[in-house]
N, C-alpha and C. Protein backbone atom coordinates (compact mmCIF):
# COMPACT_ATOMS: atom_id res chain seq x y z
N LEU A 1 -80.53 4.27 58.74
CA LEU A 1 -80.32 3.92 60.14
C LEU A 1 -81.52 3.20 60.75
N LEU A 2 -82.69 3.42 60.19
CA LEU A 2 -83.89 2.82 60.77
C LEU A 2 -83.90 1.30 60.67
N LEU A 3 -83.38 0.76 59.58
CA LEU A 3 -83.39 -0.69 59.40
C LEU A 3 -82.15 -1.37 59.99
N PHE A 4 -81.14 -0.59 60.33
CA PHE A 4 -79.88 -1.15 60.82
C PHE A 4 -80.06 -2.07 62.02
N PRO A 5 -80.86 -1.72 63.03
CA PRO A 5 -81.00 -2.61 64.20
C PRO A 5 -81.44 -4.03 63.84
N PHE A 6 -82.17 -4.18 62.75
CA PHE A 6 -82.63 -5.51 62.36
C PHE A 6 -81.51 -6.39 61.80
N SER A 7 -80.36 -5.77 61.49
CA SER A 7 -79.23 -6.54 60.97
C SER A 7 -78.33 -7.05 62.09
N LEU A 8 -78.58 -6.62 63.31
CA LEU A 8 -77.73 -7.00 64.43
C LEU A 8 -78.30 -8.17 65.21
N GLU A 9 -77.39 -8.90 65.84
CA GLU A 9 -77.81 -9.98 66.74
C GLU A 9 -76.77 -10.13 67.82
N GLY A 10 -77.08 -10.88 68.85
CA GLY A 10 -76.14 -11.15 69.92
C GLY A 10 -75.76 -9.90 70.69
N GLU A 11 -74.47 -9.84 71.05
CA GLU A 11 -73.95 -8.72 71.85
C GLU A 11 -74.17 -7.37 71.18
N ALA A 12 -74.03 -7.32 69.88
CA ALA A 12 -74.19 -6.05 69.16
C ALA A 12 -75.62 -5.53 69.31
N ARG A 13 -76.58 -6.42 69.22
CA ARG A 13 -77.99 -6.00 69.35
C ARG A 13 -78.28 -5.53 70.78
N ILE A 14 -77.76 -6.27 71.77
CA ILE A 14 -77.94 -5.88 73.17
C ILE A 14 -77.33 -4.50 73.41
N TRP A 15 -76.12 -4.28 72.89
CA TRP A 15 -75.46 -2.98 73.06
C TRP A 15 -76.31 -1.87 72.46
N LEU A 16 -76.79 -2.05 71.24
CA LEU A 16 -77.56 -0.99 70.58
C LEU A 16 -78.86 -0.71 71.33
N ASP A 17 -79.51 -1.75 71.85
CA ASP A 17 -80.75 -1.56 72.60
C ASP A 17 -80.53 -0.77 73.88
N LYS A 18 -79.33 -0.86 74.45
CA LYS A 18 -79.02 -0.14 75.70
C LYS A 18 -78.65 1.32 75.47
N GLU A 19 -78.37 1.69 74.23
CA GLU A 19 -78.02 3.08 73.94
C GLU A 19 -79.24 3.97 74.18
N PRO A 20 -79.02 5.17 74.75
CA PRO A 20 -80.15 6.07 74.98
C PRO A 20 -80.83 6.45 73.65
N PRO A 21 -82.14 6.66 73.68
CA PRO A 21 -82.85 7.06 72.45
C PRO A 21 -82.26 8.34 71.87
N ARG A 22 -82.18 8.40 70.57
CA ARG A 22 -81.71 9.56 69.81
C ARG A 22 -80.25 9.93 70.12
N SER A 23 -79.48 8.96 70.64
CA SER A 23 -78.05 9.23 70.88
C SER A 23 -77.22 8.93 69.64
N ILE A 24 -77.82 8.21 68.69
CA ILE A 24 -77.14 7.91 67.43
C ILE A 24 -77.99 8.49 66.31
N LEU A 25 -77.48 9.57 65.71
CA LEU A 25 -78.24 10.26 64.67
C LEU A 25 -77.64 10.10 63.28
N THR A 26 -76.35 9.75 63.22
CA THR A 26 -75.68 9.61 61.92
C THR A 26 -74.88 8.31 61.89
N TRP A 27 -74.46 7.93 60.69
CA TRP A 27 -73.61 6.75 60.56
C TRP A 27 -72.30 6.96 61.30
N LYS A 28 -71.80 8.18 61.28
CA LYS A 28 -70.55 8.48 61.97
C LYS A 28 -70.70 8.24 63.47
N ASP A 29 -71.83 8.69 64.05
CA ASP A 29 -72.10 8.42 65.47
C ASP A 29 -72.10 6.92 65.74
N LEU A 30 -72.78 6.19 64.87
CA LEU A 30 -72.90 4.74 65.03
C LEU A 30 -71.53 4.07 64.99
N VAL A 31 -70.74 4.43 63.99
CA VAL A 31 -69.41 3.82 63.83
C VAL A 31 -68.53 4.11 65.04
N LEU A 32 -68.49 5.37 65.48
CA LEU A 32 -67.65 5.74 66.62
C LEU A 32 -68.06 4.99 67.88
N LYS A 33 -69.35 4.95 68.16
CA LYS A 33 -69.81 4.26 69.37
C LYS A 33 -69.57 2.75 69.28
N PHE A 34 -69.79 2.19 68.11
CA PHE A 34 -69.58 0.75 67.93
C PHE A 34 -68.11 0.39 68.13
N ILE A 35 -67.23 1.14 67.51
CA ILE A 35 -65.79 0.87 67.64
C ILE A 35 -65.34 1.03 69.08
N ASN A 36 -65.80 2.08 69.75
CA ASN A 36 -65.40 2.27 71.15
C ASN A 36 -65.92 1.15 72.05
N GLN A 37 -67.09 0.61 71.72
CA GLN A 37 -67.66 -0.48 72.52
C GLN A 37 -66.93 -1.80 72.28
N PHE A 38 -66.74 -2.16 71.03
CA PHE A 38 -66.21 -3.49 70.71
C PHE A 38 -64.73 -3.52 70.38
N PHE A 39 -64.14 -2.37 70.12
CA PHE A 39 -62.71 -2.28 69.85
C PHE A 39 -62.12 -1.14 70.66
N PRO A 40 -62.00 -1.32 71.99
CA PRO A 40 -61.44 -0.25 72.81
C PRO A 40 -59.99 0.04 72.38
N PRO A 41 -59.49 1.23 72.70
CA PRO A 41 -58.13 1.60 72.27
C PRO A 41 -57.06 0.57 72.64
N SER A 42 -57.18 -0.05 73.81
CA SER A 42 -56.15 -1.03 74.21
C SER A 42 -56.15 -2.23 73.27
N LYS A 43 -57.33 -2.69 72.86
CA LYS A 43 -57.42 -3.82 71.94
C LYS A 43 -56.90 -3.42 70.56
N THR A 44 -57.25 -2.22 70.13
CA THR A 44 -56.78 -1.73 68.84
C THR A 44 -55.26 -1.63 68.83
N THR A 45 -54.68 -1.09 69.90
CA THR A 45 -53.23 -0.95 69.99
C THR A 45 -52.56 -2.33 69.95
N TYR A 46 -53.12 -3.27 70.69
CA TYR A 46 -52.58 -4.63 70.70
C TYR A 46 -52.60 -5.23 69.29
N LEU A 47 -53.75 -5.13 68.61
CA LEU A 47 -53.87 -5.71 67.27
C LEU A 47 -52.96 -5.01 66.26
N ARG A 48 -52.86 -3.68 66.36
CA ARG A 48 -51.96 -2.95 65.46
C ARG A 48 -50.51 -3.40 65.67
N ASN A 49 -50.13 -3.62 66.93
CA ASN A 49 -48.78 -4.10 67.21
C ASN A 49 -48.57 -5.51 66.67
N GLU A 50 -49.58 -6.36 66.78
CA GLU A 50 -49.49 -7.71 66.23
C GLU A 50 -49.25 -7.67 64.72
N VAL A 51 -49.96 -6.77 64.03
CA VAL A 51 -49.78 -6.65 62.58
C VAL A 51 -48.40 -6.09 62.27
N THR A 52 -48.02 -5.02 62.96
CA THR A 52 -46.74 -4.36 62.69
C THR A 52 -45.56 -5.28 62.97
N ASN A 53 -45.66 -6.11 64.01
CA ASN A 53 -44.55 -6.98 64.41
C ASN A 53 -44.68 -8.40 63.86
N PHE A 54 -45.54 -8.58 62.88
CA PHE A 54 -45.78 -9.91 62.31
C PHE A 54 -44.50 -10.50 61.73
N LEU A 55 -44.28 -11.80 61.99
CA LEU A 55 -43.15 -12.54 61.42
C LEU A 55 -43.61 -13.94 61.04
N GLN A 56 -43.09 -14.44 59.93
CA GLN A 56 -43.37 -15.82 59.54
C GLN A 56 -42.67 -16.74 60.54
N LYS A 57 -43.39 -17.75 61.01
CA LYS A 57 -42.81 -18.70 61.96
C LYS A 57 -41.82 -19.61 61.23
N PRO A 58 -40.84 -20.18 61.96
CA PRO A 58 -39.79 -20.98 61.31
C PRO A 58 -40.29 -22.10 60.41
N ASN A 59 -41.28 -22.87 60.81
CA ASN A 59 -41.75 -24.00 60.00
C ASN A 59 -43.06 -23.69 59.29
N GLU A 60 -43.39 -22.42 59.19
CA GLU A 60 -44.66 -22.01 58.59
C GLU A 60 -44.50 -21.83 57.08
N THR A 61 -45.43 -22.39 56.32
CA THR A 61 -45.37 -22.23 54.87
C THR A 61 -45.80 -20.81 54.50
N PHE A 62 -45.53 -20.44 53.27
CA PHE A 62 -45.94 -19.13 52.78
C PHE A 62 -47.45 -18.96 52.93
N ASN A 63 -48.20 -19.98 52.50
CA ASN A 63 -49.66 -19.92 52.56
C ASN A 63 -50.15 -19.74 53.99
N GLU A 64 -49.57 -20.48 54.92
CA GLU A 64 -49.98 -20.37 56.33
C GLU A 64 -49.68 -18.98 56.88
N ALA A 65 -48.51 -18.43 56.54
CA ALA A 65 -48.16 -17.09 57.01
C ALA A 65 -49.11 -16.05 56.42
N TRP A 66 -49.41 -16.16 55.13
CA TRP A 66 -50.30 -15.22 54.46
C TRP A 66 -51.70 -15.27 55.08
N GLU A 67 -52.21 -16.47 55.31
CA GLU A 67 -53.55 -16.62 55.92
C GLU A 67 -53.57 -16.06 57.33
N ARG A 68 -52.51 -16.31 58.10
CA ARG A 68 -52.44 -15.79 59.47
C ARG A 68 -52.38 -14.26 59.46
N PHE A 69 -51.64 -13.69 58.51
CA PHE A 69 -51.54 -12.24 58.39
C PHE A 69 -52.91 -11.64 58.04
N LYS A 70 -53.61 -12.26 57.09
CA LYS A 70 -54.94 -11.77 56.72
C LYS A 70 -55.91 -11.87 57.90
N ASP A 71 -55.79 -12.93 58.69
CA ASP A 71 -56.64 -13.07 59.88
C ASP A 71 -56.39 -11.93 60.87
N LEU A 72 -55.12 -11.57 61.06
CA LEU A 72 -54.81 -10.44 61.94
C LEU A 72 -55.43 -9.15 61.42
N LEU A 73 -55.34 -8.94 60.12
CA LEU A 73 -55.93 -7.72 59.54
C LEU A 73 -57.44 -7.70 59.72
N ARG A 74 -58.07 -8.85 59.57
CA ARG A 74 -59.53 -8.92 59.75
C ARG A 74 -59.95 -8.64 61.19
N GLN A 75 -59.10 -8.99 62.14
CA GLN A 75 -59.42 -8.76 63.55
C GLN A 75 -59.37 -7.29 63.91
N CYS A 76 -58.72 -6.50 63.08
CA CYS A 76 -58.56 -5.07 63.35
C CYS A 76 -59.12 -4.28 62.17
N PRO A 77 -60.46 -4.24 62.02
CA PRO A 77 -61.06 -3.67 60.81
C PRO A 77 -60.79 -2.18 60.61
N HIS A 78 -60.51 -1.46 61.64
CA HIS A 78 -60.26 -0.02 61.51
C HIS A 78 -58.77 0.26 61.73
N ARG A 79 -57.95 -0.61 61.18
CA ARG A 79 -56.51 -0.60 61.42
C ARG A 79 -55.79 0.64 60.90
N GLY A 80 -56.25 1.19 59.79
CA GLY A 80 -55.61 2.39 59.25
C GLY A 80 -54.30 2.14 58.52
N PHE A 81 -53.98 0.89 58.17
CA PHE A 81 -52.77 0.60 57.41
C PHE A 81 -53.08 0.72 55.92
N SER A 82 -52.22 1.41 55.19
CA SER A 82 -52.40 1.47 53.74
C SER A 82 -52.05 0.11 53.14
N GLU A 83 -52.51 -0.12 51.91
CA GLU A 83 -52.16 -1.38 51.22
C GLU A 83 -50.65 -1.52 51.12
N LEU A 84 -49.98 -0.42 50.81
CA LEU A 84 -48.53 -0.45 50.66
C LEU A 84 -47.86 -0.85 51.97
N HIS A 85 -48.34 -0.31 53.08
CA HIS A 85 -47.79 -0.65 54.40
C HIS A 85 -48.02 -2.13 54.70
N GLN A 86 -49.20 -2.64 54.37
CA GLN A 86 -49.51 -4.05 54.60
C GLN A 86 -48.57 -4.95 53.77
N LEU A 87 -48.38 -4.59 52.50
CA LEU A 87 -47.51 -5.38 51.63
C LEU A 87 -46.07 -5.35 52.11
N ASP A 88 -45.61 -4.17 52.52
CA ASP A 88 -44.25 -4.04 53.04
C ASP A 88 -44.08 -4.89 54.29
N THR A 89 -45.09 -4.88 55.16
CA THR A 89 -45.04 -5.66 56.40
C THR A 89 -44.96 -7.15 56.11
N ILE A 90 -45.85 -7.66 55.26
CA ILE A 90 -45.85 -9.10 54.99
C ILE A 90 -44.57 -9.52 54.27
N TYR A 91 -44.12 -8.73 53.31
CA TYR A 91 -42.91 -9.07 52.56
C TYR A 91 -41.70 -9.18 53.51
N ASN A 92 -41.53 -8.17 54.35
CA ASN A 92 -40.37 -8.15 55.26
C ASN A 92 -40.50 -9.16 56.40
N ALA A 93 -41.70 -9.70 56.61
CA ALA A 93 -41.91 -10.70 57.66
C ALA A 93 -41.60 -12.11 57.17
N LEU A 94 -41.48 -12.28 55.86
CA LEU A 94 -41.28 -13.61 55.28
C LEU A 94 -39.82 -14.05 55.36
N ASN A 95 -39.61 -15.37 55.29
CA ASN A 95 -38.23 -15.87 55.25
C ASN A 95 -37.61 -15.52 53.89
N LEU A 96 -36.30 -15.64 53.80
CA LEU A 96 -35.60 -15.21 52.58
C LEU A 96 -36.02 -16.00 51.34
N ASN A 97 -36.30 -17.29 51.49
CA ASN A 97 -36.74 -18.08 50.34
C ASN A 97 -38.04 -17.55 49.77
N ASP A 98 -38.99 -17.23 50.65
CA ASP A 98 -40.28 -16.72 50.17
C ASP A 98 -40.14 -15.31 49.60
N GLN A 99 -39.25 -14.49 50.19
CA GLN A 99 -38.99 -13.17 49.61
C GLN A 99 -38.39 -13.31 48.21
N ASP A 100 -37.42 -14.22 48.07
CA ASP A 100 -36.81 -14.46 46.76
C ASP A 100 -37.84 -14.94 45.74
N ALA A 101 -38.73 -15.82 46.18
CA ALA A 101 -39.76 -16.33 45.28
C ALA A 101 -40.68 -15.20 44.81
N LEU A 102 -41.04 -14.30 45.71
CA LEU A 102 -41.88 -13.15 45.32
C LEU A 102 -41.12 -12.23 44.37
N ASP A 103 -39.85 -11.96 44.67
CA ASP A 103 -39.04 -11.11 43.79
C ASP A 103 -38.92 -11.74 42.41
N SER A 104 -38.68 -13.04 42.39
CA SER A 104 -38.53 -13.74 41.12
C SER A 104 -39.81 -13.69 40.31
N THR A 105 -40.93 -13.95 40.97
CA THR A 105 -42.22 -13.91 40.28
C THR A 105 -42.52 -12.50 39.77
N ALA A 106 -42.09 -11.50 40.54
CA ALA A 106 -42.33 -10.11 40.16
C ALA A 106 -41.37 -9.66 39.05
N GLY A 107 -40.36 -10.46 38.77
CA GLY A 107 -39.39 -10.07 37.74
C GLY A 107 -38.47 -8.96 38.22
N GLY A 108 -38.18 -8.94 39.49
CA GLY A 108 -37.35 -7.90 40.10
C GLY A 108 -37.80 -7.70 41.53
N ASN A 109 -37.59 -6.49 42.03
CA ASN A 109 -37.99 -6.20 43.40
C ASN A 109 -39.51 -6.21 43.52
N PHE A 110 -40.02 -7.10 44.34
CA PHE A 110 -41.46 -7.26 44.54
C PHE A 110 -42.13 -5.95 44.94
N LEU A 111 -41.49 -5.21 45.84
CA LEU A 111 -42.11 -3.99 46.37
C LEU A 111 -42.09 -2.83 45.38
N ASP A 112 -41.43 -3.00 44.24
CA ASP A 112 -41.46 -1.96 43.20
C ASP A 112 -42.74 -2.01 42.39
N LYS A 113 -43.49 -3.09 42.51
CA LYS A 113 -44.76 -3.24 41.77
C LYS A 113 -45.85 -2.42 42.46
N ILE A 114 -46.92 -2.15 41.71
CA ILE A 114 -48.05 -1.46 42.32
C ILE A 114 -48.79 -2.45 43.24
N PRO A 115 -49.46 -1.95 44.28
CA PRO A 115 -50.09 -2.85 45.25
C PRO A 115 -51.01 -3.90 44.63
N ARG A 116 -51.78 -3.55 43.62
CA ARG A 116 -52.70 -4.51 43.01
C ARG A 116 -51.92 -5.70 42.42
N GLU A 117 -50.79 -5.42 41.76
CA GLU A 117 -49.96 -6.49 41.20
C GLU A 117 -49.35 -7.34 42.31
N CYS A 118 -48.90 -6.68 43.38
CA CYS A 118 -48.31 -7.41 44.51
C CYS A 118 -49.33 -8.37 45.11
N LEU A 119 -50.54 -7.89 45.34
CA LEU A 119 -51.59 -8.75 45.90
C LEU A 119 -51.89 -9.92 44.98
N SER A 120 -51.89 -9.67 43.68
CA SER A 120 -52.14 -10.73 42.71
C SER A 120 -51.04 -11.79 42.78
N ILE A 121 -49.80 -11.35 42.88
CA ILE A 121 -48.66 -12.28 42.97
C ILE A 121 -48.77 -13.11 44.25
N ILE A 122 -49.07 -12.45 45.37
CA ILE A 122 -49.18 -13.17 46.65
C ILE A 122 -50.30 -14.19 46.59
N GLU A 123 -51.47 -13.78 46.11
CA GLU A 123 -52.61 -14.71 46.05
C GLU A 123 -52.29 -15.89 45.13
N SER A 124 -51.63 -15.61 44.01
CA SER A 124 -51.27 -16.67 43.07
C SER A 124 -50.30 -17.65 43.71
N LYS A 125 -49.26 -17.13 44.35
CA LYS A 125 -48.27 -17.99 45.02
C LYS A 125 -48.93 -18.78 46.15
N SER A 126 -49.82 -18.15 46.85
CA SER A 126 -50.50 -18.81 47.96
C SER A 126 -51.35 -19.97 47.47
N LYS A 127 -52.06 -19.77 46.36
CA LYS A 127 -52.92 -20.83 45.82
C LYS A 127 -52.09 -22.00 45.31
N VAL A 128 -50.99 -21.70 44.62
CA VAL A 128 -50.12 -22.76 44.10
C VAL A 128 -49.53 -23.55 45.25
N ARG A 129 -49.01 -22.87 46.22
CA ARG A 129 -48.38 -23.53 47.36
C ARG A 129 -49.40 -24.35 48.13
N TYR A 130 -50.62 -23.80 48.30
CA TYR A 130 -51.68 -24.51 49.03
C TYR A 130 -52.06 -25.79 48.31
N SER A 131 -52.22 -25.72 46.99
CA SER A 131 -52.61 -26.92 46.25
C SER A 131 -51.50 -27.96 46.29
N ARG A 132 -50.25 -27.52 46.23
CA ARG A 132 -49.13 -28.47 46.31
C ARG A 132 -49.07 -29.12 47.68
N SER A 133 -49.30 -28.34 48.74
CA SER A 133 -49.22 -28.92 50.07
C SER A 133 -50.34 -29.92 50.28
N ARG A 134 -51.51 -29.69 49.69
CA ARG A 134 -52.60 -30.65 49.80
C ARG A 134 -52.23 -31.94 49.08
N ILE A 135 -51.58 -31.85 47.92
CA ILE A 135 -51.14 -33.05 47.19
C ILE A 135 -50.11 -33.80 48.02
N THR A 136 -49.17 -33.08 48.63
CA THR A 136 -48.16 -33.71 49.47
C THR A 136 -48.81 -34.41 50.65
N ASP A 137 -49.81 -33.77 51.27
CA ASP A 137 -50.52 -34.38 52.40
C ASP A 137 -51.20 -35.67 51.97
N VAL A 138 -51.83 -35.67 50.80
CA VAL A 138 -52.51 -36.86 50.31
C VAL A 138 -51.50 -37.97 50.09
N LYS A 139 -50.36 -37.64 49.47
CA LYS A 139 -49.33 -38.65 49.23
C LYS A 139 -48.80 -39.19 50.56
N ALA A 140 -48.59 -38.32 51.53
CA ALA A 140 -48.09 -38.75 52.83
C ALA A 140 -49.08 -39.68 53.50
N ASN A 141 -50.35 -39.39 53.40
CA ASN A 141 -51.37 -40.24 54.01
C ASN A 141 -51.47 -41.59 53.31
N THR A 142 -51.14 -41.64 52.03
CA THR A 142 -51.18 -42.89 51.29
C THR A 142 -50.18 -43.89 51.88
N TYR A 143 -49.06 -43.37 52.34
CA TYR A 143 -48.01 -44.23 52.87
C TYR A 143 -47.96 -44.20 54.39
N ALA A 144 -49.03 -43.86 55.03
CA ALA A 144 -49.07 -43.72 56.49
C ALA A 144 -48.58 -44.95 57.23
N PRO A 145 -48.98 -46.18 56.85
CA PRO A 145 -48.50 -47.35 57.60
C PRO A 145 -46.98 -47.45 57.59
N LEU A 146 -46.35 -47.09 56.48
CA LEU A 146 -44.89 -47.15 56.42
C LEU A 146 -44.26 -46.08 57.29
N SER A 147 -44.83 -44.88 57.26
CA SER A 147 -44.21 -43.78 58.00
C SER A 147 -44.28 -43.99 59.50
N SER A 148 -45.27 -44.74 59.97
CA SER A 148 -45.37 -44.96 61.41
C SER A 148 -44.20 -45.81 61.92
N SER A 149 -43.59 -46.61 61.03
CA SER A 149 -42.46 -47.43 61.45
C SER A 149 -41.13 -46.69 61.30
N LEU A 150 -41.16 -45.52 60.66
CA LEU A 150 -39.94 -44.76 60.46
C LEU A 150 -39.63 -43.95 61.71
N PRO A 151 -38.36 -43.62 61.93
CA PRO A 151 -38.03 -42.75 63.05
C PRO A 151 -38.55 -41.34 62.78
N SER A 152 -38.37 -40.45 63.74
CA SER A 152 -38.90 -39.10 63.61
C SER A 152 -38.20 -38.29 62.53
N ASN A 153 -37.26 -38.89 61.82
CA ASN A 153 -36.56 -38.18 60.75
C ASN A 153 -37.48 -37.84 59.59
N SER A 154 -38.66 -38.46 59.52
CA SER A 154 -39.56 -38.20 58.40
C SER A 154 -39.96 -36.73 58.36
N PHE A 155 -40.07 -36.11 59.54
CA PHE A 155 -40.39 -34.68 59.56
C PHE A 155 -39.25 -33.88 58.94
N ASP A 156 -38.00 -34.28 59.28
CA ASP A 156 -36.84 -33.62 58.70
C ASP A 156 -36.83 -33.78 57.18
N LEU A 157 -37.19 -34.97 56.70
CA LEU A 157 -37.24 -35.20 55.26
C LEU A 157 -38.29 -34.33 54.60
N GLN A 158 -39.43 -34.15 55.27
CA GLN A 158 -40.47 -33.28 54.72
C GLN A 158 -39.98 -31.84 54.64
N GLN A 159 -39.26 -31.40 55.68
CA GLN A 159 -38.71 -30.05 55.66
C GLN A 159 -37.71 -29.88 54.52
N ILE A 160 -36.85 -30.86 54.36
CA ILE A 160 -35.84 -30.80 53.30
C ILE A 160 -36.52 -30.78 51.94
N ALA A 161 -37.52 -31.64 51.77
CA ALA A 161 -38.25 -31.69 50.50
C ALA A 161 -38.93 -30.35 50.22
N ALA A 162 -39.54 -29.76 51.25
CA ALA A 162 -40.20 -28.46 51.07
C ALA A 162 -39.18 -27.38 50.71
N SER A 163 -38.02 -27.44 51.35
CA SER A 163 -36.96 -26.47 51.05
C SER A 163 -36.48 -26.62 49.61
N PHE A 164 -36.27 -27.86 49.17
CA PHE A 164 -35.86 -28.10 47.78
C PHE A 164 -36.93 -27.63 46.81
N GLU A 165 -38.19 -27.86 47.16
CA GLU A 165 -39.29 -27.43 46.29
C GLU A 165 -39.30 -25.90 46.16
N ASP A 166 -39.08 -25.20 47.28
CA ASP A 166 -39.02 -23.74 47.24
C ASP A 166 -37.87 -23.27 46.37
N LYS A 167 -36.70 -23.89 46.56
CA LYS A 167 -35.53 -23.50 45.77
C LYS A 167 -35.75 -23.79 44.29
N LEU A 168 -36.38 -24.92 43.99
CA LEU A 168 -36.68 -25.26 42.61
C LEU A 168 -37.64 -24.23 42.00
N ASP A 169 -38.66 -23.84 42.76
CA ASP A 169 -39.60 -22.81 42.29
C ASP A 169 -38.86 -21.52 41.95
N ILE A 170 -37.97 -21.11 42.84
CA ILE A 170 -37.22 -19.87 42.63
C ILE A 170 -36.37 -19.99 41.37
N ARG A 171 -35.66 -21.11 41.24
CA ARG A 171 -34.80 -21.28 40.06
C ARG A 171 -35.61 -21.36 38.77
N MET A 172 -36.75 -22.03 38.82
CA MET A 172 -37.60 -22.13 37.63
C MET A 172 -38.12 -20.75 37.23
N ASN A 173 -38.51 -19.95 38.22
CA ASN A 173 -38.98 -18.59 37.92
C ASN A 173 -37.85 -17.75 37.32
N ARG A 174 -36.64 -17.88 37.87
CA ARG A 174 -35.50 -17.14 37.33
C ARG A 174 -35.18 -17.60 35.91
N PHE A 175 -35.22 -18.92 35.70
CA PHE A 175 -34.95 -19.49 34.38
C PHE A 175 -35.97 -18.97 33.37
N GLU A 176 -37.24 -18.99 33.75
CA GLU A 176 -38.30 -18.50 32.86
C GLU A 176 -38.08 -17.02 32.53
N LYS A 177 -37.70 -16.23 33.54
CA LYS A 177 -37.44 -14.81 33.30
C LYS A 177 -36.25 -14.64 32.35
N SER A 178 -35.20 -15.44 32.55
CA SER A 178 -34.03 -15.36 31.67
C SER A 178 -34.40 -15.71 30.23
N LEU A 179 -35.21 -16.75 30.07
CA LEU A 179 -35.65 -17.11 28.72
C LEU A 179 -36.44 -15.98 28.07
N ASN A 180 -37.33 -15.38 28.83
CA ASN A 180 -38.12 -14.26 28.29
C ASN A 180 -37.22 -13.08 27.93
N ASP A 181 -36.23 -12.81 28.80
CA ASP A 181 -35.29 -11.71 28.50
C ASP A 181 -34.51 -11.99 27.23
N MET A 182 -34.04 -13.26 27.07
CA MET A 182 -33.31 -13.61 25.85
C MET A 182 -34.20 -13.49 24.63
N LYS A 183 -35.42 -13.98 24.75
CA LYS A 183 -36.36 -13.91 23.63
C LYS A 183 -36.60 -12.46 23.23
N ASN A 184 -36.78 -11.60 24.22
CA ASN A 184 -37.03 -10.19 23.94
C ASN A 184 -35.80 -9.50 23.34
N SER A 185 -34.60 -9.97 23.70
CA SER A 185 -33.40 -9.34 23.15
C SER A 185 -33.18 -9.73 21.68
N PHE A 186 -33.72 -10.89 21.25
CA PHE A 186 -33.58 -11.30 19.86
C PHE A 186 -34.63 -10.69 18.94
N ILE A 187 -35.70 -10.22 19.52
CA ILE A 187 -36.75 -9.60 18.71
C ILE A 187 -36.31 -8.18 18.38
N THR A 188 -36.15 -7.92 17.11
CA THR A 188 -35.74 -6.58 16.70
C THR A 188 -36.92 -5.88 16.05
N PRO A 189 -37.09 -4.62 16.36
CA PRO A 189 -38.22 -3.90 15.75
C PRO A 189 -38.01 -3.75 14.24
N THR A 190 -39.09 -3.93 13.51
CA THR A 190 -39.02 -3.77 12.06
C THR A 190 -39.43 -2.35 11.70
N ALA A 191 -38.77 -1.83 10.69
CA ALA A 191 -39.03 -0.45 10.30
C ALA A 191 -40.12 -0.36 9.27
C-alpha cells in the first residue's frame, strides 16, 4: 500500500490525497472506497443494465457488436457477471445469422461448449470478419470515383453482399462439418 499512491494520477491521485490519514489500512478498504468514489451504485446499476440489455444493432457487424460489448464490460470492472453469463448475453444479443455462424463453428449449440472454447470461437470469428471488412473497405476505396456517381443503392448492395458472405460462411462451416462427419463415419477401428 505504501507505493500505491505513486501509481495514481489525475482525479484518482487527488481523491486519495483527500482521504483522511490512516483511513485506508488494507487493500479491501482501498478497493471499497475507490469503487464508491468512482463507480457509485447508480452508475454501476446503469452499466449492468446496459450489459444485460445489450443487443446487436441492425447494421452492426459481428466484430463491431463484439467490440462494443467488450467496451461495456470494461466500463464496469466490478460487474460481477460470470463468463457463462457474459457469453449467454452476447450470443442471445446477436442476429440469427451470427448465432448460426457461431453454432456452425462450434459444431452444434455454441452455448454447450465450455466458456474458454466459446471465447476462442468468438475471437476467431471476430478476427476473420474484421480482416475481411478491412479488405472490403480497401476495395471500396479503390473504386471511390465510380461509387460517387452511383445512386444511394450502393449501400444496399454492400448490405446484400455482407449478407451473402455471412450465409456463405455458415454454409461452408456446415459443409466442412458434414465432410468431417462423413470422414469419421468411414474410419473403422482396427482390432
